[in-house]
C-alpha atoms as a PDB file:
ATOM      1  CA  MET A   1      97.678 109.222 110.919  1.00  0.00           C
ATOM      2  CA  GLY A   2      96.195 108.923 107.372  1.00  0.00           C
ATOM      3  CA  PHE A   3      97.976 109.214 103.314  1.00  0.00           C
ATOM      4  CA  LYS A   4      96.585 111.468 100.876  1.00  0.00           C
ATOM      5  CA  ARG A   5      94.814 109.507  97.888  1.00  0.00           C
ATOM      6  CA  GLU A   6      97.465 110.254  95.972  1.00  0.00           C
ATOM      7  CA  GLN A   7     101.093 109.479  97.676  1.00  0.00           C
ATOM      8  CA  VAL A   8      98.666 106.361  98.075  1.00  0.00           C
ATOM      9  CA  ILE A   9      97.715 105.501  95.064  1.00  0.00           C
ATOM     10  CA  ILE A  10     101.642 106.287  92.996  1.00  0.00           C
ATOM     11  CA  GLU A  11     103.008 103.190  95.620  1.00  0.00           C
ATOM     12  CA  LEU A  12      99.975 101.088  94.587  1.00  0.00           C
ATOM     13  CA  ASP A  13     100.969 101.861  91.058  1.00  0.00           C
ATOM     14  CA  ALA A  14     104.777 101.158  91.954  1.00  0.00           C
ATOM     15  CA  PHE A  15     104.570  98.264  94.055  1.00  0.00           C
ATOM     16  CA  ASN A  16     102.287  96.686  91.068  1.00  0.00           C
ATOM     17  CA  GLY A  17      99.530  96.775  93.047  1.00  0.00           C
ATOM     18  CA  ASP A  18     100.985  95.279  96.095  1.00  0.00           C
ATOM     19  CA  LYS A  19      98.963  96.314  99.751  1.00  0.00           C
ATOM     20  CA  ASN A  20     101.853  94.909 102.173  1.00  0.00           C
ATOM     21  CA  GLN A  21     104.625  96.594 100.055  1.00  0.00           C
ATOM     22  CA  ALA A  22     103.368 100.103  99.374  1.00  0.00           C
ATOM     23  CA  ILE A  23     101.965 100.452 102.754  1.00  0.00           C
ATOM     24  CA  ALA A  24     105.341  99.782 104.284  1.00  0.00           C
ATOM     25  CA  ALA A  25     107.179 102.341 101.324  1.00  0.00           C
ATOM     26  CA  LEU A  26     104.316 104.622 102.820  1.00  0.00           C
ATOM     27  CA  PHE A  27     105.356 104.048 106.632  1.00  0.00           C
ATOM     28  CA  ALA A  28     108.993 104.237 105.434  1.00  0.00           C
ATOM     29  CA  LYS A  29     108.505 107.927 104.077  1.00  0.00           C
ATOM     30  CA  SER A  30     107.019 108.932 106.768  1.00  0.00           C
ATOM     31  CA  ILE A  31     109.534 108.125 109.725  1.00  0.00           C
ATOM     32  CA  VAL A  32     110.901 111.596 110.650  1.00  0.00           C
ATOM     33  CA  VAL A  33     114.877 111.651 112.441  1.00  0.00           C
ATOM     34  CA  PRO A  34     115.373 114.010 114.689  1.00  0.00           C
ATOM     35  CA  ASP A  35     118.805 116.416 114.186  1.00  0.00           C
ATOM     36  CA  ASN A  36     120.215 115.173 116.570  1.00  0.00           C
ATOM     37  CA  LEU A  37     120.328 111.729 115.514  1.00  0.00           C
ATOM     38  CA  LYS A  38     121.694 111.982 112.137  1.00  0.00           C
END
């Protein structure tokens, strides 16, 4: 699994360079809930 460079830069900027928060946000945004669980 990988993230686009632009996505990573946006998240790092949003969290003032905090790598842990940026990667957590990227993982959270990548989670897809199946329709049958909504």
